[in-house]
């Protein structure tokens, strides 16, 4: 389960970041921010591909990186390629979160 409060963004691991992303996918209030997977914020894409999830994650992660830099300038989060690869390896978790 991802943390409900992040107290130090430089301590975020790829596993914690992935947990936050998957939680965001299944939270009804957050669905409208995942416009590639939930067009219009309500109905999900019937069968999202790894490509769909990858594009969605890249936009989501860009927002997280921007927020992290505004909280703690210079913090070093895992790189986009590393994180995108980790999300792709855990595609079944993304599909389960989307289906929830």
PDB file of N, CA and C in Angstrom:
ATOM      1  N   UNK A   1       0.840  -1.178   0.000  1.00  0.00           N
ATOM      2  CA  UNK A   1       0.000   0.000   0.000  1.00  0.00           C
ATOM      3  C   UNK A   1       0.886   1.243   0.000  1.00  0.00           C
ATOM      4  N   UNK A   2       0.623   2.189  -0.904  1.00  0.00           N
ATOM      5  CA  UNK A   2       1.455   3.383  -0.947  1.00  0.00           C
ATOM      6  C   UNK A   2       1.227   4.265   0.270  1.00  0.00           C
ATOM      7  N   UNK A   3       2.188   5.093   0.576  1.00  0.00           N
ATOM      8  CA  UNK A   3       2.011   5.992   1.714  1.00  0.00           C
ATOM      9  C   UNK A   3       0.899   6.991   1.433  1.00  0.00           C
ATOM     10  N   UNK A   4       0.213   7.433   2.484  1.00  0.00           N
ATOM     11  CA  UNK A   4      -0.801   8.463   2.303  1.00  0.00           C
ATOM     12  C   UNK A   4      -0.182   9.847   2.381  1.00  0.00           C
ATOM     13  N   UNK A   5       0.970   9.933   3.013  1.00  0.00           N
ATOM     14  CA  UNK A   5       1.704  11.188   3.109  1.00  0.00           C
ATOM     15  C   UNK A   5       3.165  10.928   2.778  1.00  0.00           C
ATOM     16  N   UNK A   6       3.692  11.712   1.880  1.00  0.00           N
ATOM     17  CA  UNK A   6       5.103  11.613   1.532  1.00  0.00           C
ATOM     18  C   UNK A   6       5.814  12.744   2.262  1.00  0.00           C
ATOM     19  N   UNK A   7       6.746  12.364   3.133  1.00  0.00           N
ATOM     20  CA  UNK A   7       7.432  13.388   3.932  1.00  0.00           C
ATOM     21  C   UNK A   7       8.790  13.771   3.362  1.00  0.00           C
ATOM     22  N   UNK A   8       9.350  12.935   2.491  1.00  0.00           N
ATOM     23  CA  UNK A   8      10.659  13.232   1.913  1.00  0.00           C
ATOM     24  C   UNK A   8      10.700  12.661   0.503  1.00  0.00           C
ATOM     25  N   UNK A   9      10.521  13.519  -0.495  1.00  0.00           N
ATOM     26  CA  UNK A   9      10.435  13.030  -1.871  1.00  0.00           C
ATOM     27  C   UNK A   9      11.716  12.367  -2.346  1.00  0.00           C
ATOM     28  N   UNK A  10      12.840  12.736  -1.786  1.00  0.00           N
ATOM     29  CA  UNK A  10      14.096  12.114  -2.223  1.00  0.00           C
ATOM     30  C   UNK A  10      14.211  10.670  -1.740  1.00  0.00           C
ATOM     31  N   UNK A  11      13.331  10.244  -0.846  1.00  0.00           N
ATOM     32  CA  UNK A  11      13.331   8.851  -0.380  1.00  0.00           C
ATOM     33  C   UNK A  11      12.389   7.953  -1.179  1.00  0.00           C
ATOM     34  N   UNK A  12      11.714   8.496  -2.192  1.00  0.00           N
ATOM     35  CA  UNK A  12      10.799   7.677  -2.978  1.00  0.00           C
ATOM     36  C   UNK A  12      11.579   6.656  -3.803  1.00  0.00           C
ATOM     37  N   UNK A  13      11.208   5.399  -3.661  1.00  0.00           N
ATOM     38  CA  UNK A  13      11.821   4.331  -4.437  1.00  0.00           C
ATOM     39  C   UNK A  13      10.969   4.042  -5.661  1.00  0.00           C
ATOM     40  N   UNK A  14      11.496   3.278  -6.595  1.00  0.00           N
ATOM     41  CA  UNK A  14      10.694   2.950  -7.778  1.00  0.00           C
ATOM     42  C   UNK A  14       9.473   2.133  -7.383  1.00  0.00           C
ATOM     43  N   UNK A  15       9.594   1.308  -6.352  1.00  0.00           N
ATOM     44  CA  UNK A  15       8.449   0.501  -5.901  1.00  0.00           C
ATOM     45  C   UNK A  15       7.354   1.395  -5.307  1.00  0.00           C
ATOM     46  N   UNK A  16       7.762   2.373  -4.512  1.00  0.00           N
ATOM     47  CA  UNK A  16       6.787   3.288  -3.911  1.00  0.00           C
ATOM     48  C   UNK A  16       6.131   4.154  -4.974  1.00  0.00           C
ATOM     49  N   UNK A  17       6.912   4.622  -5.922  1.00  0.00           N
ATOM     50  CA  UNK A  17       6.369   5.433  -7.014  1.00  0.00           C
ATOM     51  C   UNK A  17       5.368   4.604  -7.818  1.00  0.00           C
ATOM     52  N   UNK A  18       5.703   3.363  -8.118  1.00  0.00           N
ATOM     53  CA  UNK A  18       4.786   2.494  -8.853  1.00  0.00           C
ATOM     54  C   UNK A  18       3.506   2.274  -8.045  1.00  0.00           C
ATOM     55  N   UNK A  19       3.637   2.059  -6.736  1.00  0.00           N
ATOM     56  CA  UNK A  19       2.451   1.891  -5.888  1.00  0.00           C
ATOM     57  C   UNK A  19       1.551   3.125  -5.953  1.00  0.00           C
ATOM     58  N   UNK A  20       2.158   4.308  -5.934  1.00  0.00           N
ATOM     59  CA  UNK A  20       1.379   5.547  -6.033  1.00  0.00           C
ATOM     60  C   UNK A  20       0.658   5.634  -7.379  1.00  0.00           C
ATOM     61  N   UNK A  21       1.340   5.234  -8.444  1.00  0.00           N
ATOM     62  CA  UNK A  21       0.720   5.253  -9.780  1.00  0.00           C
ATOM     63  C   UNK A  21      -0.447   4.276  -9.859  1.00  0.00           C
ATOM     64  N   UNK A  22      -0.248   3.055  -9.395  1.00  0.00           N
ATOM     65  CA  UNK A  22      -1.314   2.062  -9.458  1.00  0.00           C
ATOM     66  C   UNK A  22      -2.505   2.485  -8.603  1.00  0.00           C
ATOM     67  N   UNK A  23      -2.237   3.077  -7.438  1.00  0.00           N
ATOM     68  CA  UNK A  23      -3.327   3.570  -6.584  1.00  0.00           C
ATOM     69  C   UNK A  23      -4.088   4.685  -7.296  1.00  0.00           C
ATOM     70  N   UNK A  24      -3.366   5.544  -8.017  1.00  0.00           N
ATOM     71  CA  UNK A  24      -4.000   6.622  -8.756  1.00  0.00           C
ATOM     72  C   UNK A  24      -4.908   6.078  -9.857  1.00  0.00           C
ATOM     73  N   UNK A  25      -4.490   4.992 -10.502  1.00  0.00           N
ATOM     74  CA  UNK A  25      -5.306   4.390 -11.561  1.00  0.00           C
ATOM     75  C   UNK A  25      -6.642   3.879 -11.038  1.00  0.00           C
ATOM     76  N   UNK A  26      -6.663   3.371  -9.819  1.00  0.00           N
ATOM     77  CA  UNK A  26      -7.912   2.779  -9.333  1.00  0.00           C
ATOM     78  C   UNK A  26      -8.735   3.701  -8.445  1.00  0.00           C
ATOM     79  N   UNK A  27      -8.258   4.911  -8.201  1.00  0.00           N
ATOM     80  CA  UNK A  27      -9.000   5.854  -7.374  1.00  0.00           C
ATOM     81  C   UNK A  27      -9.965   6.640  -8.257  1.00  0.00           C
ATOM     82  N   UNK A  28     -11.277   6.486  -8.016  1.00  0.00           N
ATOM     83  CA  UNK A  28     -12.253   7.169  -8.886  1.00  0.00           C
ATOM     84  C   UNK A  28     -12.017   8.671  -9.033  1.00  0.00           C
ATOM     85  N   UNK A  29     -11.608   9.338  -7.970  1.00  0.00           N
ATOM     86  CA  UNK A  29     -11.383  10.782  -8.040  1.00  0.00           C
ATOM     87  C   UNK A  29     -10.191  11.149  -8.915  1.00  0.00           C
ATOM     88  N   UNK A  30      -9.291  10.227  -9.123  1.00  0.00           N
ATOM     89  CA  UNK A  30      -8.091  10.500  -9.909  1.00  0.00           C
ATOM     90  C   UNK A  30      -8.220  10.086 -11.371  1.00  0.00           C
ATOM     91  N   UNK A  31      -9.254   9.368 -11.692  1.00  0.00           N
ATOM     92  CA  UNK A  31      -9.358   8.805 -13.049  1.00  0.00           C
ATOM     93  C   UNK A  31      -9.346   9.842 -14.146  1.00  0.00           C
ATOM     94  N   UNK A  32      -9.920  11.015 -13.907  1.00  0.00           N
ATOM     95  CA  UNK A  32      -9.945  12.014 -14.978  1.00  0.00           C
ATOM     96  C   UNK A  32      -8.551  12.520 -15.320  1.00  0.00           C
ATOM     97  N   UNK A  33      -7.586  12.342 -14.423  1.00  0.00           N
ATOM     98  CA  UNK A  33      -6.215  12.756 -14.740  1.00  0.00           C
ATOM     99  C   UNK A  33      -5.497  11.738 -15.620  1.00  0.00           C
ATOM    100  N   UNK A  34      -6.087  10.584 -15.812  1.00  0.00           N
ATOM    101  CA  UNK A  34      -5.519   9.534 -16.677  1.00  0.00           C
ATOM    102  C   UNK A  34      -6.335   9.488 -17.973  1.00  0.00           C
ATOM    103  N   UNK A  35      -6.270  10.559 -18.737  1.00  0.00           N
ATOM    104  CA  UNK A  35      -7.166  10.715 -19.884  1.00  0.00           C
ATOM    105  C   UNK A  35      -6.917   9.711 -21.005  1.00  0.00           C
ATOM    106  N   UNK A  36      -5.750   9.089 -21.065  1.00  0.00           N
ATOM    107  CA  UNK A  36      -5.499   8.079 -22.092  1.00  0.00           C
ATOM    108  C   UNK A  36      -6.195   6.761 -21.760  1.00  0.00           C
ATOM    109  N   UNK A  37      -6.362   6.502 -20.480  1.00  0.00           N
ATOM    110  CA  UNK A  37      -6.968   5.242 -20.055  1.00  0.00           C
ATOM    111  C   UNK A  37      -8.440   5.428 -19.708  1.00  0.00           C
ATOM    112  N   UNK A  38      -8.787   6.603 -19.190  1.00  0.00           N
ATOM    113  CA  UNK A  38     -10.165   6.924 -18.831  1.00  0.00           C
ATOM    114  C   UNK A  38     -10.615   8.148 -19.623  1.00  0.00           C
ATOM    115  N   UNK A  39     -10.888   8.000 -20.927  1.00  0.00           N
ATOM    116  CA  UNK A  39     -11.321   9.167 -21.704  1.00  0.00           C
ATOM    117  C   UNK A  39     -12.601   9.743 -21.094  1.00  0.00           C
ATOM    118  N   UNK A  40     -12.622  11.012 -20.852  1.00  0.00           N
ATOM    119  CA  UNK A  40     -13.792  11.646 -20.246  1.00  0.00           C
ATOM    120  C   UNK A  40     -13.853  11.442 -18.745  1.00  0.00           C
ATOM    121  N   UNK A  41     -12.907  10.716 -18.171  1.00  0.00           N
ATOM    122  CA  UNK A  41     -12.840  10.543 -16.731  1.00  0.00           C
ATOM    123  C   UNK A  41     -13.693   9.434 -16.158  1.00  0.00           C
ATOM    124  N   UNK A  42     -14.525   8.805 -16.959  1.00  0.00           N
ATOM    125  CA  UNK A  42     -15.424   7.800 -16.385  1.00  0.00           C
ATOM    126  C   UNK A  42     -15.197   6.418 -16.977  1.00  0.00           C
ATOM    127  N   UNK A  43     -15.324   6.303 -18.267  1.00  0.00           N
ATOM    128  CA  UNK A  43     -15.236   4.994 -18.916  1.00  0.00           C
ATOM    129  C   UNK A  43     -13.798   4.677 -19.261  1.00  0.00           C
ATOM    130  N   UNK A  44     -13.358   3.502 -18.867  1.00  0.00           N
ATOM    131  CA  UNK A  44     -11.980   3.124 -19.156  1.00  0.00           C
ATOM    132  C   UNK A  44     -11.872   2.539 -20.555  1.00  0.00           C
ATOM    133  N   UNK A  45     -10.677   2.594 -21.095  1.00  0.00           N
ATOM    134  CA  UNK A  45     -10.400   1.940 -22.369  1.00  0.00           C
ATOM    135  C   UNK A  45     -10.642   0.452 -22.132  1.00  0.00           C
ATOM    136  N   UNK A  46     -11.416  -0.221 -23.002  1.00  0.00           N
ATOM    137  CA  UNK A  46     -11.797  -1.613 -22.725  1.00  0.00           C
ATOM    138  C   UNK A  46     -10.620  -2.539 -22.427  1.00  0.00           C
ATOM    139  N   UNK A  47      -9.553  -2.417 -23.170  1.00  0.00           N
ATOM    140  CA  UNK A  47      -8.413  -3.300 -22.959  1.00  0.00           C
ATOM    141  C   UNK A  47      -7.131  -2.522 -23.218  1.00  0.00           C
ATOM    142  N   UNK A  48      -6.674  -1.745 -22.222  1.00  0.00           N
ATOM    143  CA  UNK A  48      -5.478  -0.939 -22.456  1.00  0.00           C
ATOM    144  C   UNK A  48      -4.257  -1.807 -22.709  1.00  0.00           C
ATOM    145  N   UNK A  49      -3.435  -1.359 -23.627  1.00  0.00           N
ATOM    146  CA  UNK A  49      -2.210  -2.082 -23.962  1.00  0.00           C
ATOM    147  C   UNK A  49      -1.059  -1.564 -23.106  1.00  0.00           C
ATOM    148  N   UNK A  50       0.074  -2.232 -23.209  1.00  0.00           N
ATOM    149  CA  UNK A  50       1.261  -1.737 -22.512  1.00  0.00           C
ATOM    150  C   UNK A  50       1.635  -0.358 -23.047  1.00  0.00           C
ATOM    151  N   UNK A  51       1.377  -0.128 -24.330  1.00  0.00           N
ATOM    152  CA  UNK A  51       1.648   1.173 -24.930  1.00  0.00           C
ATOM    153  C   UNK A  51       0.772   2.254 -24.289  1.00  0.00           C
ATOM    154  N   UNK A  52      -0.535   1.973 -24.117  1.00  0.00           N
ATOM    155  CA  UNK A  52      -1.450   2.926 -23.488  1.00  0.00           C
ATOM    156  C   UNK A  52      -0.998   3.267 -22.070  1.00  0.00           C
ATOM    157  N   UNK A  53      -0.679   2.236 -21.314  1.00  0.00           N
ATOM    158  CA  UNK A  53      -0.242   2.442 -19.928  1.00  0.00           C
ATOM    159  C   UNK A  53       1.091   3.188 -19.901  1.00  0.00           C
ATOM    160  N   UNK A  54       1.994   2.837 -20.811  1.00  0.00           N
ATOM    161  CA  UNK A  54       3.286   3.507 -20.867  1.00  0.00           C
ATOM    162  C   UNK A  54       3.147   4.996 -21.137  1.00  0.00           C
ATOM    163  N   UNK A  55       2.314   5.363 -22.110  1.00  0.00           N
ATOM    164  CA  UNK A  55       2.101   6.784 -22.406  1.00  0.00           C
ATOM    165  C   UNK A  55       1.445   7.490 -21.230  1.00  0.00           C
ATOM    166  N   UNK A  56       0.462   6.845 -20.617  1.00  0.00           N
ATOM    167  CA  UNK A  56      -0.203   7.438 -19.466  1.00  0.00           C
ATOM    168  C   UNK A  56       0.791   7.635 -18.321  1.00  0.00           C
ATOM    169  N   UNK A  57       1.609   6.619 -18.067  1.00  0.00           N
ATOM    170  CA  UNK A  57       2.574   6.718 -16.973  1.00  0.00           C
ATOM    171  C   UNK A  57       3.567   7.851 -17.209  1.00  0.00           C
ATOM    172  N   UNK A  58       4.023   7.999 -18.449  1.00  0.00           N
ATOM    173  CA  UNK A  58       5.012   9.045 -18.735  1.00  0.00           C
ATOM    174  C   UNK A  58       4.462  10.430 -18.392  1.00  0.00           C
ATOM    175  N   UNK A  59       3.202  10.686 -18.729  1.00  0.00           N
ATOM    176  CA  UNK A  59       2.596  11.966 -18.367  1.00  0.00           C
ATOM    177  C   UNK A  59       2.434  12.114 -16.867  1.00  0.00           C
ATOM    178  N   UNK A  60       1.975  11.053 -16.214  1.00  0.00           N
ATOM    179  CA  UNK A  60       1.791  11.067 -14.759  1.00  0.00           C
ATOM    180  C   UNK A  60       3.133  11.291 -14.063  1.00  0.00           C
ATOM    181  N   UNK A  61       4.173  10.599 -14.524  1.00  0.00           N
ATOM    182  CA  UNK A  61       5.482  10.693 -13.888  1.00  0.00           C
ATOM    183  C   UNK A  61       6.104  12.068 -14.094  1.00  0.00           C
ATOM    184  N   UNK A  62       5.860  12.668 -15.237  1.00  0.00           N
ATOM    185  CA  UNK A  62       6.339  14.030 -15.460  1.00  0.00           C
ATOM    186  C   UNK A  62       5.748  14.987 -14.424  1.00  0.00           C
ATOM    187  N   UNK A  63       4.463  14.805 -14.120  1.00  0.00           N
ATOM    188  CA  UNK A  63       3.828  15.616 -13.087  1.00  0.00           C
ATOM    189  C   UNK A  63       4.432  15.364 -11.718  1.00  0.00           C
ATOM    190  N   UNK A  64       4.688  14.098 -11.407  1.00  0.00           N
ATOM    191  CA  UNK A  64       5.291  13.759 -10.117  1.00  0.00           C
ATOM    192  C   UNK A  64       6.692  14.360 -10.003  1.00  0.00           C
ATOM    193  N   UNK A  65       7.469  14.261 -11.071  1.00  0.00           N
ATOM    194  CA  UNK A  65       8.821  14.824 -11.042  1.00  0.00           C
ATOM    195  C   UNK A  65       8.778  16.336 -10.841  1.00  0.00           C
ATOM    196  N   UNK A  66       7.848  16.994 -11.499  1.00  0.00           N
ATOM    197  CA  UNK A  66       7.716  18.436 -11.359  1.00  0.00           C
ATOM    198  C   UNK A  66       7.340  18.806  -9.925  1.00  0.00           C
ATOM    199  N   UNK A  67       6.395  18.085  -9.361  1.00  0.00           N
ATOM    200  CA  UNK A  67       5.989  18.332  -7.981  1.00  0.00           C
ATOM    201  C   UNK A  67       7.147  18.072  -7.023  1.00  0.00           C
ATOM    202  N   UNK A  68       7.870  16.977  -7.235  1.00  0.00           N
ATOM    203  CA  UNK A  68       8.995  16.641  -6.366  1.00  0.00           C
ATOM    204  C   UNK A  68      10.056  17.736  -6.417  1.00  0.00           C
ATOM    205  N   UNK A  69      10.339  18.280  -7.602  1.00  0.00           N
ATOM    206  CA  UNK A  69      11.345  19.344  -7.730  1.00  0.00           C
ATOM    207  C   UNK A  69      10.888  20.641  -7.059  1.00  0.00           C
ATOM    208  N   UNK A  70       9.573  20.870  -7.055  1.00  0.00           N
ATOM    209  CA  UNK A  70       9.096  22.090  -6.392  1.00  0.00           C
ATOM    210  C   UNK A  70       9.153  21.953  -4.874  1.00  0.00           C
ATOM    211  N   UNK A  71       9.043  20.731  -4.371  1.00  0.00           N
ATOM    212  CA  UNK A  71       9.123  20.490  -2.932  1.00  0.00           C
ATOM    213  C   UNK A  71      10.572  20.442  -2.475  1.00  0.00           C
ATOM    214  N   UNK A  72      11.389  19.737  -3.248  1.00  0.00           N
ATOM    215  CA  UNK A  72      12.790  19.522  -2.858  1.00  0.00           C
ATOM    216  C   UNK A  72      13.677  19.688  -4.097  1.00  0.00           C
ATOM    217  N   UNK A  73      14.013  20.938  -4.439  1.00  0.00           N
ATOM    218  CA  UNK A  73      14.831  21.163  -5.635  1.00  0.00           C
ATOM    219  C   UNK A  73      16.114  20.334  -5.598  1.00  0.00           C
ATOM    220  N   UNK A  74      16.379  19.685  -6.711  1.00  0.00           N
ATOM    221  CA  UNK A  74      17.585  18.876  -6.807  1.00  0.00           C
ATOM    222  C   UNK A  74      17.425  17.439  -6.363  1.00  0.00           C
ATOM    223  N   UNK A  75      16.237  17.064  -5.888  1.00  0.00           N
ATOM    224  CA  UNK A  75      16.055  15.662  -5.478  1.00  0.00           C
ATOM    225  C   UNK A  75      16.215  14.758  -6.700  1.00  0.00           C
ATOM    226  N   UNK A  76      16.669  13.565  -6.465  1.00  0.00           N
ATOM    227  CA  UNK A  76      16.939  12.636  -7.563  1.00  0.00           C
ATOM    228  C   UNK A  76      15.982  11.456  -7.491  1.00  0.00           C
ATOM    229  N   UNK A  77      14.963  11.485  -8.337  1.00  0.00           N
ATOM    230  CA  UNK A  77      14.050  10.349  -8.458  1.00  0.00           C
ATOM    231  C   UNK A  77      14.602   9.409  -9.525  1.00  0.00           C
ATOM    232  N   UNK A  78      14.143   8.156  -9.532  1.00  0.00           N
ATOM    233  CA  UNK A  78      14.581   7.247 -10.597  1.00  0.00           C
ATOM    234  C   UNK A  78      14.259   7.849 -11.969  1.00  0.00           C
ATOM    235  N   UNK A  79      15.076   7.529 -12.957  1.00  0.00           N
ATOM    236  CA  UNK A  79      14.877   8.052 -14.301  1.00  0.00           C
ATOM    237  C   UNK A  79      13.632   7.503 -14.971  1.00  0.00           C
ATOM    238  N   UNK A  80      13.166   8.217 -15.975  1.00  0.00           N
ATOM    239  CA  UNK A  80      11.949   7.830 -16.683  1.00  0.00           C
ATOM    240  C   UNK A  80      12.075   6.447 -17.309  1.00  0.00           C
ATOM    241  N   UNK A  81      13.197   6.153 -17.958  1.00  0.00           N
ATOM    242  CA  UNK A  81      13.358   4.839 -18.598  1.00  0.00           C
ATOM    243  C   UNK A  81      13.297   3.715 -17.570  1.00  0.00           C
ATOM    244  N   UNK A  82      13.957   3.918 -16.441  1.00  0.00           N
ATOM    245  CA  UNK A  82      13.934   2.909 -15.384  1.00  0.00           C
ATOM    246  C   UNK A  82      12.514   2.712 -14.864  1.00  0.00           C
ATOM    247  N   UNK A  83      11.809   3.814 -14.631  1.00  0.00           N
ATOM    248  CA  UNK A  83      10.447   3.713 -14.102  1.00  0.00           C
ATOM    249  C   UNK A  83       9.485   3.123 -15.132  1.00  0.00           C
ATOM    250  N   UNK A  84       9.600   3.550 -16.384  1.00  0.00           N
ATOM    251  CA  UNK A  84       8.713   3.015 -17.422  1.00  0.00           C
ATOM    252  C   UNK A  84       8.934   1.515 -17.580  1.00  0.00           C
ATOM    253  N   UNK A  85      10.180   1.075 -17.508  1.00  0.00           N
ATOM    254  CA  UNK A  85      10.472  -0.352 -17.569  1.00  0.00           C
ATOM    255  C   UNK A  85       9.870  -1.100 -16.401  1.00  0.00           C
ATOM    256  N   UNK A  86       9.922  -0.508 -15.218  1.00  0.00           N
ATOM    257  CA  UNK A  86       9.353  -1.143 -14.025  1.00  0.00           C
ATOM    258  C   UNK A  86       7.830  -1.242 -14.136  1.00  0.00           C
ATOM    259  N   UNK A  87       7.195  -0.192 -14.631  1.00  0.00           N
ATOM    260  CA  UNK A  87       5.736  -0.220 -14.821  1.00  0.00           C
ATOM    261  C   UNK A  87       5.382  -1.289 -15.850  1.00  0.00           C
ATOM    262  N   UNK A  88       6.161  -1.366 -16.926  1.00  0.00           N
ATOM    263  CA  UNK A  88       5.907  -2.375 -17.959  1.00  0.00           C
ATOM    264  C   UNK A  88       6.052  -3.789 -17.398  1.00  0.00           C
ATOM    265  N   UNK A  89       7.054  -4.001 -16.539  1.00  0.00           N
ATOM    266  CA  UNK A  89       7.234  -5.313 -15.906  1.00  0.00           C
ATOM    267  C   UNK A  89       6.054  -5.667 -15.016  1.00  0.00           C
ATOM    268  N   UNK A  90       5.374  -4.665 -14.507  1.00  0.00           N
ATOM    269  CA  UNK A  90       4.241  -4.865 -13.601  1.00  0.00           C
ATOM    270  C   UNK A  90       2.920  -4.510 -14.276  1.00  0.00           C
ATOM    271  N   UNK A  91       2.841  -4.754 -15.575  1.00  0.00           N
ATOM    272  CA  UNK A  91       1.657  -4.408 -16.348  1.00  0.00           C
ATOM    273  C   UNK A  91       0.393  -5.054 -15.776  1.00  0.00           C
ATOM    274  N   UNK A  92       0.498  -6.277 -15.257  1.00  0.00           N
ATOM    275  CA  UNK A  92      -0.684  -6.937 -14.683  1.00  0.00           C
ATOM    276  C   UNK A  92      -1.248  -6.150 -13.499  1.00  0.00           C
ATOM    277  N   UNK A  93      -0.376  -5.529 -12.718  1.00  0.00           N
ATOM    278  CA  UNK A  93      -0.854  -4.686 -11.614  1.00  0.00           C
ATOM    279  C   UNK A  93      -1.608  -3.477 -12.153  1.00  0.00           C
ATOM    280  N   UNK A  94      -1.124  -2.904 -13.254  1.00  0.00           N
ATOM    281  CA  UNK A  94      -1.816  -1.775 -13.866  1.00  0.00           C
ATOM    282  C   UNK A  94      -3.181  -2.222 -14.382  1.00  0.00           C
ATOM    283  N   UNK A  95      -3.240  -3.362 -15.061  1.00  0.00           N
ATOM    284  CA  UNK A  95      -4.518  -3.868 -15.561  1.00  0.00           C
ATOM    285  C   UNK A  95      -5.495  -4.123 -14.417  1.00  0.00           C
ATOM    286  N   UNK A  96      -5.028  -4.681 -13.320  1.00  0.00           N
ATOM    287  CA  UNK A  96      -5.896  -4.932 -12.159  1.00  0.00           C
ATOM    288  C   UNK A  96      -6.394  -3.616 -11.567  1.00  0.00           C
ATOM    289  N   UNK A  97      -5.525  -2.623 -11.489  1.00  0.00           N
ATOM    290  CA  UNK A  97      -5.927  -1.323 -10.935  1.00  0.00           C
ATOM    291  C   UNK A  97      -6.958  -0.655 -11.827  1.00  0.00           C
ATOM    292  N   UNK A  98      -6.776  -0.759 -13.133  1.00  0.00           N
ATOM    293  CA  UNK A  98      -7.705  -0.161 -14.082  1.00  0.00           C
ATOM    294  C   UNK A  98      -9.059  -0.855 -14.020  1.00  0.00           C
ATOM    295  N   UNK A  99      -9.052  -2.152 -13.844  1.00  0.00           N
ATOM    296  CA  UNK A  99     -10.284  -2.937 -13.796  1.00  0.00           C
ATOM    297  C   UNK A  99     -11.069  -2.726 -12.497  1.00  0.00           C
ATOM    298  N   UNK A 100     -10.395  -2.241 -11.461  1.00  0.00           N
ATOM    299  CA  UNK A 100     -11.054  -2.089 -10.144  1.00  0.00           C
ATOM    300  C   UNK A 100     -12.142  -1.044 -10.170  1.00  0.00           C
TER     301      UNK A 100
END
